[in-house]
C-alpha atoms as a PDB file:
ATOM      1  CA  UNK A   1      94.685 105.715 108.102  1.00  0.00           C
ATOM      2  CA  UNK A   2      96.040 108.859 106.454  1.00  0.00           C
ATOM      3  CA  UNK A   3      95.697 107.244 103.013  1.00  0.00           C
ATOM      4  CA  UNK A   4      92.009 106.637 103.757  1.00  0.00           C
ATOM      5  CA  UNK A   5      91.557 110.302 104.663  1.00  0.00           C
ATOM      6  CA  UNK A   6      93.277 111.400 101.452  1.00  0.00           C
ATOM      7  CA  UNK A   7      91.040 109.123  99.356  1.00  0.00           C
ATOM      8  CA  UNK A   8      87.893 110.293 101.183  1.00  0.00           C
ATOM      9  CA  UNK A   9      88.972 113.912 100.811  1.00  0.00           C
ATOM     10  CA  UNK A  10      89.541 113.380  97.094  1.00  0.00           C
ATOM     11  CA  UNK A  11      86.099 111.825  96.655  1.00  0.00           C
ATOM     12  CA  UNK A  12      84.441 114.675  98.569  1.00  0.00           C
ATOM     13  CA  UNK A  13      86.309 117.232  96.442  1.00  0.00           C
ATOM     14  CA  UNK A  14      85.260 115.470  93.236  1.00  0.00           C
ATOM     15  CA  UNK A  15      81.608 115.358  94.294  1.00  0.00           C
ATOM     16  CA  UNK A  16      81.778 119.048  95.260  1.00  0.00           C
ATOM     17  CA  UNK A  17      83.203 119.913  91.818  1.00  0.00           C
ATOM     18  CA  UNK A  18      80.436 118.005  90.026  1.00  0.00           C
ATOM     19  CA  UNK A  19      77.751 119.706  92.133  1.00  0.00           C
ATOM     20  CA  UNK A  20      79.320 123.145  91.636  1.00  0.00           C
ATOM     21  CA  UNK A  21      79.544 122.503  87.873  1.00  0.00           C
ATOM     22  CA  UNK A  22      75.838 121.566  87.805  1.00  0.00           C
ATOM     23  CA  UNK A  23      74.861 124.728  89.672  1.00  0.00           C
ATOM     24  CA  UNK A  24      76.972 126.911  87.364  1.00  0.00           C
ATOM     25  CA  UNK A  25      75.499 125.267  84.254  1.00  0.00           C
ATOM     26  CA  UNK A  26      71.895 125.477  85.430  1.00  0.00           C
ATOM     27  CA  UNK A  27      72.225 129.157  86.318  1.00  0.00           C
ATOM     28  CA  UNK A  28      74.220 130.239  83.287  1.00  0.00           C
ATOM     29  CA  UNK A  29      72.552 132.672  80.952  1.00  0.00           C
ATOM     30  CA  UNK A  30      71.151 131.057  77.820  1.00  0.00           C
ATOM     31  CA  UNK A  31      71.018 127.544  79.285  1.00  0.00           C
ATOM     32  CA  UNK A  32      67.787 125.622  79.905  1.00  0.00           C
ATOM     33  CA  UNK A  33      67.298 122.432  81.869  1.00  0.00           C
ATOM     34  CA  UNK A  34      66.742 119.602  79.420  1.00  0.00           C
ATOM     35  CA  UNK A  35      66.651 115.814  79.546  1.00  0.00           C
ATOM     36  CA  UNK A  36      67.908 113.736  76.619  1.00  0.00           C
ATOM     37  CA  UNK A  37      67.275 110.166  75.495  1.00  0.00           C
ATOM     38  CA  UNK A  38      69.319 108.891  72.565  1.00  0.00           C
ATOM     39  CA  UNK A  39      67.348 105.739  71.867  1.00  0.00           C
ATOM     40  CA  UNK A  40      69.547 103.158  73.564  1.00  0.00           C
ATOM     41  CA  UNK A  41      69.459 104.373  77.146  1.00  0.00           C
ATOM     42  CA  UNK A  42      67.087 106.126  79.519  1.00  0.00           C
ATOM     43  CA  UNK A  43      66.651 109.828  80.166  1.00  0.00           C
ATOM     44  CA  UNK A  44      69.789 111.767  81.118  1.00  0.00           C
ATOM     45  CA  UNK A  45      69.674 115.118  82.937  1.00  0.00           C
ATOM     46  CA  UNK A  46      71.555 118.075  81.567  1.00  0.00           C
ATOM     47  CA  UNK A  47      71.289 121.554  80.123  1.00  0.00           C
ATOM     48  CA  UNK A  48      70.843 122.775  76.582  1.00  0.00           C
ATOM     49  CA  UNK A  49      72.084 125.965  74.953  1.00  0.00           C
ATOM     50  CA  UNK A  50      71.677 127.418  71.491  1.00  0.00           C
ATOM     51  CA  UNK A  51      74.885 128.261  69.642  1.00  0.00           C
ATOM     52  CA  UNK A  52      75.738 128.765  65.959  1.00  0.00           C
ATOM     53  CA  UNK A  53      72.680 127.014  64.527  1.00  0.00           C
ATOM     54  CA  UNK A  54      73.038 124.054  66.888  1.00  0.00           C
ATOM     55  CA  UNK A  55      71.525 122.911  70.130  1.00  0.00           C
ATOM     56  CA  UNK A  56      74.327 121.844  72.473  1.00  0.00           C
ATOM     57  CA  UNK A  57      73.392 119.410  75.223  1.00  0.00           C
ATOM     58  CA  UNK A  58      75.725 119.171  78.238  1.00  0.00           C
ATOM     59  CA  UNK A  59      75.185 116.414  80.840  1.00  0.00           C
ATOM     60  CA  UNK A  60      75.140 117.205  84.554  1.00  0.00           C
ATOM     61  CA  UNK A  61      77.227 114.201  85.580  1.00  0.00           C
ATOM     62  CA  UNK A  62      80.471 115.061  83.847  1.00  0.00           C
ATOM     63  CA  UNK A  63      83.476 117.223  84.566  1.00  0.00           C
ATOM     64  CA  UNK A  64      83.727 118.623  81.032  1.00  0.00           C
ATOM     65  CA  UNK A  65      81.944 121.814  80.014  1.00  0.00           C
ATOM     66  CA  UNK A  66      81.917 120.751  76.360  1.00  0.00           C
ATOM     67  CA  UNK A  67      78.623 119.457  74.934  1.00  0.00           C
ATOM     68  CA  UNK A  68      78.080 115.728  74.600  1.00  0.00           C
ATOM     69  CA  UNK A  69      75.540 116.218  71.765  1.00  0.00           C
ATOM     70  CA  UNK A  70      75.416 118.956  69.130  1.00  0.00           C
ATOM     71  CA  UNK A  71      72.109 118.832  67.271  1.00  0.00           C
ATOM     72  CA  UNK A  72      72.124 120.902  64.072  1.00  0.00           C
ATOM     73  CA  UNK A  73      69.035 122.999  63.334  1.00  0.00           C
ATOM     74  CA  UNK A  74      69.423 122.430  59.597  1.00  0.00           C
ATOM     75  CA  UNK A  75      67.161 119.566  58.634  1.00  0.00           C
ATOM     76  CA  UNK A  76      65.919 118.993  62.198  1.00  0.00           C
ATOM     77  CA  UNK A  77      62.317 117.831  62.338  1.00  0.00           C
ATOM     78  CA  UNK A  78      60.080 117.327  65.357  1.00  0.00           C
ATOM     79  CA  UNK A  79      58.174 114.121  64.641  1.00  0.00           C
ATOM     80  CA  UNK A  80      56.165 113.842  67.880  1.00  0.00           C
ATOM     81  CA  UNK A  81      55.337 115.845  70.986  1.00  0.00           C
ATOM     82  CA  UNK A  82      53.946 114.387  74.222  1.00  0.00           C
ATOM     83  CA  UNK A  83      53.725 114.886  78.000  1.00  0.00           C
ATOM     84  CA  UNK A  84      56.319 113.108  80.165  1.00  0.00           C
ATOM     85  CA  UNK A  85      55.083 113.868  83.677  1.00  0.00           C
ATOM     86  CA  UNK A  86      55.790 117.565  84.309  1.00  0.00           C
ATOM     87  CA  UNK A  87      57.829 117.948  81.112  1.00  0.00           C
ATOM     88  CA  UNK A  88      57.111 118.002  77.381  1.00  0.00           C
ATOM     89  CA  UNK A  89      59.044 115.514  75.264  1.00  0.00           C
ATOM     90  CA  UNK A  90      59.781 115.961  71.567  1.00  0.00           C
ATOM     91  CA  UNK A  91      61.169 113.334  69.237  1.00  0.00           C
ATOM     92  CA  UNK A  92      63.808 114.577  66.791  1.00  0.00           C
ATOM     93  CA  UNK A  93      64.942 111.572  64.790  1.00  0.00           C
ATOM     94  CA  UNK A  94      66.863 109.204  67.050  1.00  0.00           C
ATOM     95  CA  UNK A  95      67.040 111.718  69.913  1.00  0.00           C
ATOM     96  CA  UNK A  96      64.256 112.743  72.279  1.00  0.00           C
ATOM     97  CA  UNK A  97      64.376 115.909  74.372  1.00  0.00           C
ATOM     98  CA  UNK A  98      62.256 116.643  77.449  1.00  0.00           C
ATOM     99  CA  UNK A  99      61.885 120.165  78.810  1.00  0.00           C
ATOM    100  CA  UNK A 100      59.458 122.510  80.521  1.00  0.00           C
ATOM    101  CA  UNK A 101      56.666 124.118  78.551  1.00  0.00           C
ATOM    102  CA  UNK A 102      58.478 127.478  78.454  1.00  0.00           C
ATOM    103  CA  UNK A 103      61.693 125.841  77.233  1.00  0.00           C
ATOM    104  CA  UNK A 104      59.704 123.918  74.601  1.00  0.00           C
ATOM    105  CA  UNK A 105      58.191 127.170  73.336  1.00  0.00           C
ATOM    106  CA  UNK A 106      61.706 128.620  73.020  1.00  0.00           C
ATOM    107  CA  UNK A 107      62.949 125.464  71.266  1.00  0.00           C
ATOM    108  CA  UNK A 108      60.131 125.537  68.713  1.00  0.00           C
ATOM    109  CA  UNK A 109      60.643 129.277  68.126  1.00  0.00           C
ATOM    110  CA  UNK A 110      64.363 128.610  67.574  1.00  0.00           C
ATOM    111  CA  UNK A 111      63.496 125.956  64.994  1.00  0.00           C
ATOM    112  CA  UNK A 112      61.040 128.234  63.189  1.00  0.00           C
ATOM    113  CA  UNK A 113      63.430 131.183  63.137  1.00  0.00           C
ATOM    114  CA  UNK A 114      65.914 129.393  60.889  1.00  0.00           C
ATOM    115  CA  UNK A 115      67.043 131.334  57.807  1.00  0.00           C
ATOM    116  CA  UNK A 116      65.051 130.734  54.613  1.00  0.00           C
ATOM    117  CA  UNK A 117      65.928 127.439  52.982  1.00  0.00           C
ATOM    118  CA  UNK A 118      67.613 126.055  56.090  1.00  0.00           C
ATOM    119  CA  UNK A 119      65.154 123.163  56.288  1.00  0.00           C
ATOM    120  CA  UNK A 120      65.620 122.169  52.654  1.00  0.00           C
ATOM    121  CA  UNK A 121      67.755 119.126  52.005  1.00  0.00           C
ATOM    122  CA  UNK A 122      69.557 120.111  48.801  1.00  0.00           C
ATOM    123  CA  UNK A 123      71.765 117.037  48.547  1.00  0.00           C
END
C-alpha cells in the first residue's frame, strides 16, 4: 500500500510541475500563446517567443523549457492566412501557426521589421 501512495504522489507531483510550467510560460514576458501544426499531426498548444531572429515555439506538455521548434525569420514567408475558430492561422511552409489577432499583428510586424536583405535568398 505504501508503494501505491509513493507512485500516486509522484504522479501528482509530475502533473503539478507540468501545470506550474505552463502557467510560468504563459505569463512570462515576451511569450504569446500559440498553437502549432507541423503537417503530420494535429494542433499542439504552446507558447512562442521571439529571440535572435527566430521564433521559438515551446509546447505546454513537456518538462523542458527549451523550444521544440526554432523558426528562422530569414526567408520565412507567410503563404496563407485564415480563421481557425477564435484564432488566426498562418501557413509558413510546412508549419502552420495559430494565434490571436493581436499576436498575429505582432508576428507580422516582426516579419516586416527584418533587416534589409534578410528575405533575399542569396544562395
